[in-house]
């Protein structure tokens, strides 16, 4: 990594994920203070004026004002990385235009997740999928996506034990936080004293994306993992943190101690100094009533990686079935933090085209 920080922008900075981007990019050792791109409605407002997260606005960012900016304007300002926090449907064409103009995009939206030539990345799980970028025109800007927020946590929890168990099927029920719906989110009348057993498109995303993340990179692209992944998705009255009840049907019969050891020792980025990487990325809880969103959503160390670790608990191994609960912060690990970590890995791998700046 060069000593020169990377000029960056947050596109969609007024939304929930956009504000988490701003929070996590404050005083980042690799990125300059971000340009905050909003809409005609939010342009001109300071970050402090539009702030809606429960965490305080970073003091050094509070006075930054949102602006409108086209891909052409961001390229002219010599922005090198755009963090995408726009909603799916709106994001796709704009992200494509940004890369065409030389701005690398690390996106939260689903628009490009199924594109065969674009990495769908969880750095601890499938960093080799960055090889999909090898065929691009030399010097061409990058487009990298992070997965659906539930798929991110699920893939992170399954990866350490995948080869050990050789699953034939994975059944998962997700209990998803309100913040997964973004701002303004789910109406209070719809979720108080209630559970909503349908989130449009969610079950398909978790299944398809998890299989791709755990899949194998081949000369023809990514060959998805062969195990069936069967998903129930529900919205619950929790602010942040997606809880998942996971059942793995395994071909192999390792000892329970081997399974737990695989989770505890899993830290494939330990030798790569990425500022937002949690060490370890999985926290194994021994208590019978953990993980819980209120207690475990901010798991992850060092301080910059708070909210980036997945917590696993209530482990039961009754061969051929492994059952456990998993919790991850949907807006951090499954959102802004995931994209920032993807960008850090791309920089560490020397994949980010750098412009010569006077």
Protein backbone atom coordinates (compact mmCIF):
# COMPACT_ATOMS: atom_id res chain seq x y z
CA UNK A 1 0.00 0.00 0.00
CA UNK A 2 1.35 3.41 -1.03
CA UNK A 3 1.62 6.12 1.62
CA UNK A 4 -0.74 8.26 -0.49
CA UNK A 5 -4.33 7.81 0.60
CA UNK A 6 -6.95 6.83 -1.97
CA UNK A 7 -9.52 9.50 -2.95
CA UNK A 8 -12.98 8.03 -2.45
CA UNK A 9 -16.69 8.82 -2.50
CA UNK A 10 -19.78 7.37 -0.86
CA UNK A 11 -22.62 7.26 -3.36
CA UNK A 12 -25.94 7.20 -1.54
CA UNK A 13 -24.47 8.74 1.61
CA UNK A 14 -27.82 9.75 3.16
CA UNK A 15 -29.09 6.19 3.54
CA UNK A 16 -28.45 3.76 6.36
CA UNK A 17 -25.58 1.95 4.64
CA UNK A 18 -24.21 5.27 3.35
CA UNK A 19 -24.02 6.63 6.88
CA UNK A 20 -22.24 3.49 8.07
CA UNK A 21 -19.76 4.03 5.22
CA UNK A 22 -19.14 7.58 6.43
CA UNK A 23 -18.72 6.37 10.02
CA UNK A 24 -16.25 3.62 9.07
CA UNK A 25 -14.24 5.78 6.67
CA UNK A 26 -13.60 8.44 9.32
CA UNK A 27 -9.83 8.71 9.81
CA UNK A 28 -9.30 5.59 7.71
CA UNK A 29 -5.56 4.95 7.26
CA UNK A 30 -5.89 4.09 3.54
CA UNK A 31 -8.67 6.38 2.27
CA UNK A 32 -8.99 10.14 2.11
CA UNK A 33 -11.99 11.85 3.70
CA UNK A 34 -14.83 10.74 1.42
CA UNK A 35 -16.88 12.88 -0.90
CA UNK A 36 -20.48 12.32 0.22
CA UNK A 37 -22.89 12.04 -2.69
CA UNK A 38 -26.58 12.48 -1.98
CA UNK A 39 -29.67 13.46 -3.91
CA UNK A 40 -31.23 16.78 -4.85
CA UNK A 41 -33.19 16.52 -1.59
CA UNK A 42 -30.17 15.95 0.67
CA UNK A 43 -27.50 17.97 -1.17
CA UNK A 44 -26.22 20.90 0.84
CA UNK A 45 -27.07 19.31 4.20
CA UNK A 46 -24.23 18.45 6.54
CA UNK A 47 -23.72 14.86 7.60
CA UNK A 48 -24.69 15.87 11.13
CA UNK A 49 -28.02 17.25 9.93
CA UNK A 50 -29.08 14.03 8.19
CA UNK A 51 -27.50 11.60 10.70
CA UNK A 52 -29.88 8.86 11.89
CA UNK A 53 -27.62 6.11 13.24
CA UNK A 54 -27.66 5.36 16.99
CA UNK A 55 -23.87 5.77 17.04
CA UNK A 56 -22.63 9.38 17.23
CA UNK A 57 -21.53 11.11 14.04
CA UNK A 58 -17.71 11.15 13.85
CA UNK A 59 -16.68 14.68 14.91
CA UNK A 60 -14.24 15.07 12.02
CA UNK A 61 -17.04 14.22 9.54
CA UNK A 62 -19.96 16.10 11.11
CA UNK A 63 -19.56 19.23 9.02
CA UNK A 64 -19.10 17.48 5.66
CA UNK A 65 -21.86 18.47 3.24
CA UNK A 66 -23.56 16.14 0.83
CA UNK A 67 -23.50 17.04 -2.84
CA UNK A 68 -24.90 15.77 -6.08
CA UNK A 69 -22.37 14.40 -8.51
CA UNK A 70 -22.54 12.48 -11.78
CA UNK A 71 -20.07 9.72 -12.66
CA UNK A 72 -18.44 12.20 -15.01
CA UNK A 73 -18.01 14.74 -12.20
CA UNK A 74 -16.55 12.17 -9.80
CA UNK A 75 -14.08 11.03 -12.45
CA UNK A 76 -13.14 14.65 -13.14
CA UNK A 77 -12.50 15.10 -9.40
CA UNK A 78 -10.06 12.17 -9.68
CA UNK A 79 -12.04 9.96 -7.32
CA UNK A 80 -10.51 6.48 -7.51
CA UNK A 81 -12.97 4.44 -5.42
CA UNK A 82 -16.73 4.80 -5.07
CA UNK A 83 -18.48 2.92 -2.29
CA UNK A 84 -21.97 2.13 -3.53
CA UNK A 85 -24.87 2.48 -1.09
CA UNK A 86 -27.62 3.08 -3.63
CA UNK A 87 -30.70 0.84 -3.71
CA UNK A 88 -30.79 -2.04 -6.15
CA UNK A 89 -32.34 -1.04 -9.44
CA UNK A 90 -30.90 2.46 -9.23
CA UNK A 91 -27.33 1.37 -8.56
CA UNK A 92 -26.57 -0.85 -11.56
CA UNK A 93 -26.40 1.63 -14.46
CA UNK A 94 -24.61 4.27 -12.37
CA UNK A 95 -22.00 1.77 -11.13
CA UNK A 96 -21.35 0.60 -14.69
CA UNK A 97 -20.88 4.21 -15.82
CA UNK A 98 -18.50 4.92 -12.93
CA UNK A 99 -16.25 2.02 -13.91
CA UNK A 100 -16.39 3.09 -17.57
CA UNK A 101 -15.02 6.46 -16.48
CA UNK A 102 -12.20 4.92 -14.45
CA UNK A 103 -13.71 4.91 -10.95
CA UNK A 104 -13.54 1.53 -9.18
CA UNK A 105 -16.78 0.55 -7.45
CA UNK A 106 -17.29 -1.56 -4.33
CA UNK A 107 -21.02 -2.10 -4.23
CA UNK A 108 -23.69 -3.14 -1.74
CA UNK A 109 -26.44 -3.40 -4.35
CA UNK A 110 -27.62 -6.67 -5.86
CA UNK A 111 -27.64 -5.45 -9.48
CA UNK A 112 -24.28 -6.96 -10.47
CA UNK A 113 -24.04 -9.87 -8.01
CA UNK A 114 -25.01 -12.45 -10.62
CA UNK A 115 -22.74 -11.11 -13.36
CA UNK A 116 -20.35 -13.94 -14.21
CA UNK A 117 -17.31 -11.70 -14.56
CA UNK A 118 -17.81 -9.71 -11.33
CA UNK A 119 -16.54 -11.03 -7.96
CA UNK A 120 -19.09 -11.61 -5.20
CA UNK A 121 -16.65 -11.38 -2.34
CA UNK A 122 -16.20 -12.23 1.33
CA UNK A 123 -12.42 -11.80 1.75
CA UNK A 124 -11.90 -14.51 4.39
CA UNK A 125 -13.91 -17.03 2.35
CA UNK A 126 -13.26 -16.61 -1.38
CA UNK A 127 -10.43 -14.14 -2.07
CA UNK A 128 -9.42 -16.27 -5.07
CA UNK A 129 -12.62 -15.11 -6.81
CA UNK A 130 -10.82 -11.82 -7.43
CA UNK A 131 -9.29 -13.86 -10.25
CA UNK A 132 -12.45 -13.07 -12.21
CA UNK A 133 -10.88 -9.64 -12.73
CA UNK A 134 -7.81 -11.06 -14.46
CA UNK A 135 -9.43 -10.88 -17.87
CA UNK A 136 -10.32 -7.20 -17.71
CA UNK A 137 -8.55 -4.61 -19.84
CA UNK A 138 -5.29 -3.64 -18.10
CA UNK A 139 -5.81 -0.50 -16.01
CA UNK A 140 -9.61 -0.85 -16.17
CA UNK A 141 -11.49 0.15 -13.03
CA UNK A 142 -12.82 -2.60 -10.77
CA UNK A 143 -16.39 -3.54 -9.94
CA UNK A 144 -16.66 -5.80 -6.88
CA UNK A 145 -19.83 -6.65 -4.97
CA UNK A 146 -20.44 -7.84 -1.45
CA UNK A 147 -23.25 -10.34 -0.88
CA UNK A 148 -26.67 -10.12 0.66
CA UNK A 149 -26.29 -9.37 4.38
CA UNK A 150 -27.59 -12.76 5.55
CA UNK A 151 -25.54 -14.64 2.95
CA UNK A 152 -22.40 -12.87 4.18
CA UNK A 153 -22.76 -14.15 7.74
CA UNK A 154 -23.83 -17.61 6.60
CA UNK A 155 -20.87 -18.03 4.23
CA UNK A 156 -18.47 -16.81 6.93
CA UNK A 157 -19.83 -19.38 9.39
CA UNK A 158 -19.89 -22.29 6.94
CA UNK A 159 -16.51 -21.75 5.28
CA UNK A 160 -14.28 -23.12 8.11
CA UNK A 161 -16.25 -26.37 8.37
CA UNK A 162 -17.29 -26.87 4.74
CA UNK A 163 -14.60 -29.36 3.71
CA UNK A 164 -14.62 -30.98 7.14
CA UNK A 165 -18.35 -31.79 6.86
CA UNK A 166 -18.84 -32.11 3.06
CA UNK A 167 -22.49 -30.99 3.33
CA UNK A 168 -25.27 -32.37 1.21
CA UNK A 169 -27.71 -29.68 2.38
CA UNK A 170 -27.92 -26.60 4.59
CA UNK A 171 -31.20 -25.44 6.11
CA UNK A 172 -31.28 -21.91 7.51
CA UNK A 173 -33.95 -19.74 9.10
CA UNK A 174 -33.05 -16.05 9.33
CA UNK A 175 -34.43 -13.63 11.91
CA UNK A 176 -33.60 -10.35 10.25
CA UNK A 177 -33.29 -6.94 11.90
CA UNK A 178 -35.35 -3.92 10.93
CA UNK A 179 -32.31 -2.05 9.64
CA UNK A 180 -32.05 -4.63 6.87
CA UNK A 181 -34.90 -2.75 5.22
CA UNK A 182 -32.92 0.53 5.31
CA UNK A 183 -34.50 3.96 5.86
CA UNK A 184 -37.44 4.39 6.45
CA UNK A 185 -37.61 0.62 6.99
CA UNK A 186 -40.58 -1.40 8.18
CA UNK A 187 -43.57 0.47 9.62
CA UNK A 188 -43.91 0.19 13.40
CA UNK A 189 -47.50 -1.01 13.14
CA UNK A 190 -46.36 -3.87 10.94
CA UNK A 191 -43.71 -5.32 13.23
CA UNK A 192 -44.57 -4.45 16.86
CA UNK A 193 -45.72 -7.65 18.60
CA UNK A 194 -45.22 -9.44 15.30
CA UNK A 195 -42.91 -11.41 13.02
CA UNK A 196 -43.11 -10.92 9.26
CA UNK A 197 -42.49 -14.29 7.55
CA UNK A 198 -41.74 -12.90 4.07
CA UNK A 199 -38.98 -10.66 2.73
CA UNK A 200 -39.25 -10.33 -1.02
CA UNK A 201 -36.41 -12.04 -2.89
CA UNK A 202 -34.42 -12.69 0.29
CA UNK A 203 -34.56 -16.46 0.42
CA UNK A 204 -33.44 -16.81 -3.19
CA UNK A 205 -30.56 -14.37 -2.67
CA UNK A 206 -29.25 -16.15 0.43
CA UNK A 207 -29.35 -19.53 -1.31
CA UNK A 208 -27.87 -18.50 -4.66
CA UNK A 209 -25.22 -16.16 -3.30
CA UNK A 210 -24.00 -18.46 -0.53
CA UNK A 211 -23.53 -21.30 -3.01
CA UNK A 212 -21.55 -18.99 -5.28
CA UNK A 213 -19.32 -17.65 -2.49
CA UNK A 214 -18.51 -21.19 -1.37
CA UNK A 215 -18.01 -22.30 -4.97
CA UNK A 216 -14.86 -23.03 -6.95
CA UNK A 217 -13.17 -20.65 -9.38
CA UNK A 218 -12.64 -22.36 -12.74
CA UNK A 219 -11.38 -21.11 -16.12
CA UNK A 220 -15.06 -20.72 -17.08
CA UNK A 221 -16.05 -18.74 -13.99
CA UNK A 222 -17.35 -19.73 -10.56
CA UNK A 223 -18.83 -23.20 -10.17
CA UNK A 224 -21.30 -22.92 -7.26
CA UNK A 225 -21.10 -25.31 -4.31
CA UNK A 226 -23.27 -28.33 -4.96
CA UNK A 227 -25.09 -28.58 -1.61
CA UNK A 228 -28.71 -27.46 -1.44
CA UNK A 229 -29.20 -24.34 0.68
CA UNK A 230 -32.81 -24.04 1.81
CA UNK A 231 -33.84 -20.77 3.43
CA UNK A 232 -36.67 -19.27 5.50
CA UNK A 233 -36.45 -15.49 5.97
CA UNK A 234 -38.41 -13.48 8.56
CA UNK A 235 -38.28 -9.87 9.75
CA UNK A 236 -38.26 -9.43 13.54
CA UNK A 237 -38.43 -6.43 15.86
CA UNK A 238 -34.68 -6.03 16.39
CA UNK A 239 -32.78 -2.89 15.43
CA UNK A 240 -29.51 -4.40 14.12
CA UNK A 241 -28.09 -7.89 13.78
CA UNK A 242 -29.35 -10.83 11.74
CA UNK A 243 -29.71 -14.08 13.70
CA UNK A 244 -29.66 -17.35 11.74
CA UNK A 245 -30.57 -20.88 12.84
CA UNK A 246 -28.47 -23.23 10.72
CA UNK A 247 -28.70 -26.99 10.21
CA UNK A 248 -26.04 -28.71 8.11
CA UNK A 249 -26.54 -32.25 6.83
CA UNK A 250 -23.03 -33.69 6.57
CA UNK A 251 -21.49 -36.58 4.63
CA UNK A 252 -18.49 -36.80 6.97
CA UNK A 253 -18.34 -37.48 10.71
CA UNK A 254 -15.56 -35.46 12.36
CA UNK A 255 -15.36 -35.12 16.12
CA UNK A 256 -17.16 -32.13 17.63
CA UNK A 257 -13.79 -30.86 18.89
CA UNK A 258 -12.54 -30.76 15.28
CA UNK A 259 -15.52 -28.66 14.24
CA UNK A 260 -15.05 -26.18 17.07
CA UNK A 261 -11.31 -26.04 16.44
CA UNK A 262 -11.95 -25.22 12.78
CA UNK A 263 -14.07 -22.22 13.79
CA UNK A 264 -11.67 -21.02 16.49
CA UNK A 265 -8.55 -21.25 14.32
CA UNK A 266 -10.13 -19.69 11.24
CA UNK A 267 -8.35 -16.41 10.48
CA UNK A 268 -7.11 -16.53 6.87
CA UNK A 269 -6.36 -12.78 6.79
CA UNK A 270 -4.14 -12.90 9.89
CA UNK A 271 -1.01 -12.28 7.82
CA UNK A 272 -2.59 -9.49 5.73
CA UNK A 273 -2.76 -6.12 7.48
CA UNK A 274 -6.22 -4.96 6.39
CA UNK A 275 -7.53 -2.20 8.70
CA UNK A 276 -11.16 -3.40 8.75
CA UNK A 277 -10.47 -7.16 9.03
CA UNK A 278 -11.58 -8.70 12.35
CA UNK A 279 -9.22 -11.06 14.15
CA UNK A 280 -10.65 -13.59 14.65
CA UNK A 281 -13.56 -13.28 12.20
CA UNK A 282 -15.61 -15.88 14.12
CA UNK A 283 -16.36 -15.73 17.85
CA UNK A 284 -17.49 -19.05 19.30
CA UNK A 285 -19.80 -18.55 22.31
CA UNK A 286 -20.08 -21.19 25.04
CA UNK A 287 -23.19 -19.77 26.77
CA UNK A 288 -26.48 -21.58 26.14
CA UNK A 289 -28.32 -18.34 25.35
CA UNK A 290 -25.85 -16.74 22.91
CA UNK A 291 -25.46 -15.20 20.41
CA UNK A 292 -28.01 -12.43 20.89
CA UNK A 293 -28.34 -9.29 18.72
CA UNK A 294 -28.29 -6.92 21.71
CA UNK A 295 -25.11 -8.49 23.11
CA UNK A 296 -23.16 -9.70 20.09
CA UNK A 297 -23.91 -7.46 17.09
CA UNK A 298 -20.70 -5.46 17.64
CA UNK A 299 -18.37 -8.46 17.85
CA UNK A 300 -14.99 -7.89 16.26
CA UNK A 301 -11.55 -6.53 17.11
CA UNK A 302 -9.54 -4.32 16.72
CA UNK A 303 -11.68 -1.21 17.21
CA UNK A 304 -12.00 -0.44 13.48
CA UNK A 305 -13.40 -3.96 12.98
CA UNK A 306 -16.22 -3.69 15.55
CA UNK A 307 -19.28 -5.36 14.06
CA UNK A 308 -17.24 -7.28 11.48
CA UNK A 309 -17.07 -10.68 13.25
CA UNK A 310 -19.75 -13.35 13.19
CA UNK A 311 -20.75 -14.98 16.47
CA UNK A 312 -21.65 -18.68 16.65
CA UNK A 313 -23.27 -20.50 19.55
CA UNK A 314 -25.68 -23.24 20.66
CA UNK A 315 -23.64 -25.78 18.71
CA UNK A 316 -25.17 -29.26 18.57
CA UNK A 317 -23.54 -32.14 16.67
CA UNK A 318 -25.79 -35.15 16.20
CA UNK A 319 -24.33 -36.78 13.08
CA UNK A 320 -25.19 -36.27 10.33
CA UNK A 321 -26.67 -32.96 11.55
CA UNK A 322 -24.71 -29.96 12.81
CA UNK A 323 -26.96 -27.27 14.29
CA UNK A 324 -25.95 -23.82 15.48
CA UNK A 325 -27.05 -20.20 15.74
CA UNK A 326 -25.09 -17.48 13.98
CA UNK A 327 -25.28 -13.71 14.35
CA UNK A 328 -23.74 -10.97 12.23
CA UNK A 329 -24.25 -7.20 12.00
CA UNK A 330 -26.22 -6.78 8.80
CA UNK A 331 -25.32 -3.13 8.17
CA UNK A 332 -21.62 -3.49 9.06
CA UNK A 333 -20.34 -6.96 8.14
CA UNK A 334 -23.17 -7.45 5.67
CA UNK A 335 -23.09 -3.88 4.42
CA UNK A 336 -20.64 -0.98 4.54
CA UNK A 337 -17.84 -2.80 6.36
CA UNK A 338 -17.97 -5.67 3.89
CA UNK A 339 -17.42 -3.31 0.96
CA UNK A 340 -14.61 -1.47 2.71
CA UNK A 341 -12.87 -4.76 3.50
CA UNK A 342 -13.27 -5.80 -0.16
CA UNK A 343 -11.60 -2.57 -1.24
CA UNK A 344 -8.77 -3.05 1.25
CA UNK A 345 -8.12 -6.54 -0.08
CA UNK A 346 -8.08 -5.29 -3.68
CA UNK A 347 -5.58 -2.60 -2.72
CA UNK A 348 -3.40 -5.09 -0.81
CA UNK A 349 -3.40 -7.36 -3.87
CA UNK A 350 -2.30 -4.46 -6.11
CA UNK A 351 -5.47 -4.65 -8.18
CA UNK A 352 -6.64 -1.08 -7.82
CA UNK A 353 -5.59 1.08 -10.78
CA UNK A 354 -3.89 4.17 -9.31
CA UNK A 355 -3.93 7.48 -11.11
CA UNK A 356 -0.87 9.66 -11.16
CA UNK A 357 -1.74 12.77 -9.15
CA UNK A 358 0.24 15.99 -9.14
